[in-house]
């Protein structure tokens, strides 16, 4: 008799657990416009522009105000002339720096 009582209690607790687990995994209600907005994921802008063409990276260039300049280019910033030139103290593939032109 005890064995049957124990099996009945065990079966009822398993059934109650299954019902409770099933009730937690109900789909969220859909809003009036048919869109589920329970989850919002912030994505960086690069995600939306990956399929578009973008300017290829410059292998040997100087960058000033998000624009690429080749060796020998001169720009004026705040009344100072800057020239894109090789850095004699650096070894590498992109050893160009801005130098002040006097």
Protein backbone atom coordinates (compact mmCIF):
# COMPACT_ATOMS: atom_id res chain seq x y z
CA UNK A 1 0.00 0.00 0.00
CA UNK A 2 2.81 2.38 0.85
CA UNK A 3 4.47 1.64 -2.44
CA UNK A 4 1.34 2.60 -4.43
CA UNK A 5 0.92 5.78 -2.39
CA UNK A 6 4.54 6.74 -3.04
CA UNK A 7 4.19 6.05 -6.79
CA UNK A 8 0.97 8.11 -6.93
CA UNK A 9 2.60 11.08 -5.17
CA UNK A 10 5.61 10.86 -7.48
CA UNK A 11 3.42 10.71 -10.61
CA UNK A 12 1.33 13.68 -9.45
CA UNK A 13 4.41 15.78 -8.70
CA UNK A 14 5.90 15.00 -12.13
CA UNK A 15 2.63 15.91 -13.83
CA UNK A 16 2.37 19.16 -11.86
CA UNK A 17 5.96 20.04 -12.76
CA UNK A 18 5.30 19.41 -16.45
CA UNK A 19 2.19 21.61 -16.40
CA UNK A 20 4.07 24.38 -14.62
CA UNK A 21 7.00 24.20 -17.06
CA UNK A 22 4.63 24.29 -20.03
CA UNK A 23 2.84 27.36 -18.68
CA UNK A 24 6.14 29.27 -18.43
CA UNK A 25 6.97 28.73 -22.09
CA UNK A 26 3.85 30.19 -23.65
CA UNK A 27 4.53 32.58 -26.53
CA UNK A 28 4.25 36.25 -25.56
CA UNK A 29 1.12 38.08 -26.60
CA UNK A 30 1.25 39.82 -29.96
CA UNK A 31 0.62 43.56 -29.99
CA UNK A 32 -2.08 45.29 -32.04
CA UNK A 33 0.13 45.75 -35.09
CA UNK A 34 1.16 42.08 -35.19
CA UNK A 35 4.76 42.67 -34.06
CA UNK A 36 6.31 41.10 -30.98
CA UNK A 37 8.47 43.77 -29.34
CA UNK A 38 9.47 41.95 -26.17
CA UNK A 39 13.11 41.70 -27.26
CA UNK A 40 15.13 44.65 -28.57
CA UNK A 41 18.68 44.05 -29.80
CA UNK A 42 20.97 47.02 -30.37
CA UNK A 43 23.21 46.50 -33.39
CA UNK A 44 26.15 48.64 -34.47
CA UNK A 45 25.77 50.55 -37.76
CA UNK A 46 28.34 48.28 -39.45
CA UNK A 47 25.81 45.45 -39.44
CA UNK A 48 23.50 47.34 -41.79
CA UNK A 49 26.27 48.42 -44.20
CA UNK A 50 28.24 45.18 -44.61
CA UNK A 51 26.62 44.33 -47.94
CA UNK A 52 27.33 47.77 -49.39
CA UNK A 53 30.50 48.77 -51.12
CA UNK A 54 32.85 50.82 -49.04
CA UNK A 55 36.10 52.51 -49.84
CA UNK A 56 38.97 49.98 -49.70
CA UNK A 57 41.50 50.46 -46.94
CA UNK A 58 44.60 52.35 -47.97
CA UNK A 59 47.75 50.26 -47.59
CA UNK A 60 50.16 53.22 -47.42
CA UNK A 61 48.44 56.46 -46.53
CA UNK A 62 47.96 59.16 -43.93
CA UNK A 63 44.49 59.75 -42.51
CA UNK A 64 43.16 63.23 -41.77
CA UNK A 65 39.51 63.94 -40.90
CA UNK A 66 38.44 60.44 -42.06
CA UNK A 67 40.04 60.88 -45.50
CA UNK A 68 43.03 59.02 -46.92
CA UNK A 69 46.03 60.92 -48.27
CA UNK A 70 48.99 59.46 -50.14
CA UNK A 71 52.65 60.18 -49.47
CA UNK A 72 53.55 63.78 -50.32
CA UNK A 73 50.06 65.19 -49.76
CA UNK A 74 49.85 68.53 -47.95
CA UNK A 75 46.91 69.73 -45.85
CA UNK A 76 46.38 72.88 -43.81
CA UNK A 77 44.95 72.57 -40.32
CA UNK A 78 44.53 75.54 -37.97
CA UNK A 79 47.05 77.56 -39.98
CA UNK A 80 49.69 74.80 -39.93
CA UNK A 81 50.80 72.94 -43.07
CA UNK A 82 51.12 69.19 -42.66
CA UNK A 83 52.73 66.84 -45.16
CA UNK A 84 52.25 63.09 -45.38
CA UNK A 85 55.77 61.63 -45.29
CA UNK A 86 57.67 58.49 -44.30
CA UNK A 87 58.75 58.07 -40.71
CA UNK A 88 62.49 57.37 -40.72
CA UNK A 89 62.36 55.90 -37.20
CA UNK A 90 59.74 53.29 -38.05
CA UNK A 91 59.87 50.02 -39.94
CA UNK A 92 56.70 48.49 -41.33
CA UNK A 93 54.23 48.48 -44.16
CA UNK A 94 52.41 51.68 -43.26
CA UNK A 95 55.08 53.98 -41.88
CA UNK A 96 53.60 57.28 -43.06
CA UNK A 97 53.03 60.15 -40.62
CA UNK A 98 52.04 63.80 -40.75
CA UNK A 99 55.03 66.14 -40.51
CA UNK A 100 54.86 69.90 -40.00
CA UNK A 101 56.07 71.82 -43.07
CA UNK A 102 58.14 74.90 -42.17
